[in-house]
Amino acid sequence: MKNKYISNIIICMLSVACLSCSSEYVYICTGLSSAVYHKSDECLGLSRCSGSINKVSLQKAKDLGRRPCKICE
């Protein structure tokens, strides 16, 4: 019984850790030729953005097919 209780605690802790990973935010440019995401809204790469700059979850950026910026990765 004690082992099952400890296992449940570990599973809960891992679940919380995974939730915090998915809440990481990045910045993307909405310009037509934009293909990367940025860790900082002050990245030099965003200074050339021809659209607007949006804050999105890392998962959303990946779902949009974005790759990490080579400047701020």
Protein backbone atom coordinates (compact mmCIF):
# COMPACT_ATOMS: atom_id res chain seq x y z
CA MET A 1 0.00 0.00 0.00
CA LYS A 2 2.83 2.37 0.88
CA ASN A 3 4.55 1.74 -2.48
CA LYS A 4 1.32 2.50 -4.35
CA TYR A 5 0.95 5.78 -2.44
CA ILE A 6 4.54 6.79 -3.26
CA SER A 7 4.01 5.85 -6.92
CA ASN A 8 0.91 8.06 -7.09
CA ILE A 9 2.83 10.99 -5.59
CA ILE A 10 5.62 10.58 -8.15
CA ILE A 11 3.12 10.41 -11.02
CA CYS A 12 1.43 13.60 -9.78
CA MET A 13 4.77 15.40 -9.51
CA LEU A 14 5.71 14.40 -13.06
CA SER A 15 2.33 15.57 -14.34
CA VAL A 16 2.81 18.99 -12.75
CA ALA A 17 6.31 19.21 -14.24
CA CYS A 18 4.92 18.45 -17.70
CA LEU A 19 2.24 21.11 -17.31
CA SER A 20 4.85 23.73 -16.50
CA CYS A 21 6.79 22.78 -19.63
CA SER A 22 3.78 23.38 -21.82
CA SER A 23 3.23 26.85 -20.37
CA GLU A 24 6.54 28.18 -21.74
CA TYR A 25 5.90 31.14 -24.01
CA VAL A 26 7.77 32.32 -27.09
CA TYR A 27 7.33 35.12 -29.60
CA ILE A 28 6.50 34.81 -33.27
CA CYS A 29 6.26 37.29 -36.10
CA THR A 30 3.07 37.10 -38.17
CA GLY A 31 4.83 38.21 -41.37
CA LEU A 32 4.32 35.99 -44.42
CA SER A 33 7.94 34.81 -44.61
CA SER A 34 8.35 34.22 -40.87
CA ALA A 35 9.46 30.68 -39.95
CA VAL A 36 11.01 30.87 -36.47
CA TYR A 37 10.05 31.47 -32.86
CA HIS A 38 12.00 33.61 -30.41
CA LYS A 39 12.65 33.22 -26.68
CA SER A 40 12.70 36.98 -26.15
CA ASP A 41 10.55 39.75 -27.57
CA GLU A 42 13.74 41.82 -27.73
CA CYS A 43 15.55 39.41 -30.07
CA LEU A 44 17.36 41.12 -32.95
CA GLY A 45 15.61 38.74 -35.36
CA LEU A 46 12.24 40.25 -34.46
CA SER A 47 13.42 43.73 -35.40
CA ARG A 48 12.89 42.75 -39.05
CA CYS A 49 9.31 41.55 -38.48
CA SER A 50 6.97 42.79 -41.23
CA GLY A 51 3.82 41.79 -39.31
CA SER A 52 2.90 41.92 -35.65
CA ILE A 53 4.70 40.13 -32.81
CA ASN A 54 2.56 37.64 -30.89
CA LYS A 55 3.25 35.81 -27.64
CA VAL A 56 2.24 32.14 -27.99
CA SER A 57 2.96 28.88 -26.19
CA LEU A 58 5.99 26.96 -27.33
CA GLN A 59 3.70 24.11 -28.37
CA LYS A 60 1.59 26.45 -30.53
CA ALA A 61 4.73 27.76 -32.26
CA LYS A 62 5.82 24.19 -32.99
CA ASP A 63 2.33 23.31 -34.21
CA LEU A 64 2.62 26.24 -36.64
CA GLY A 65 5.81 24.67 -38.01
CA ARG A 66 8.17 27.25 -36.49
CA ARG A 67 11.77 26.37 -35.63
CA PRO A 68 13.96 28.00 -32.96
CA CYS A 69 15.67 31.29 -33.83
CA LYS A 70 19.42 30.87 -34.34
CA ILE A 71 20.10 34.21 -32.62
CA CYS A 72 18.26 33.73 -29.34
CA GLU A 73 18.01 29.95 -28.99
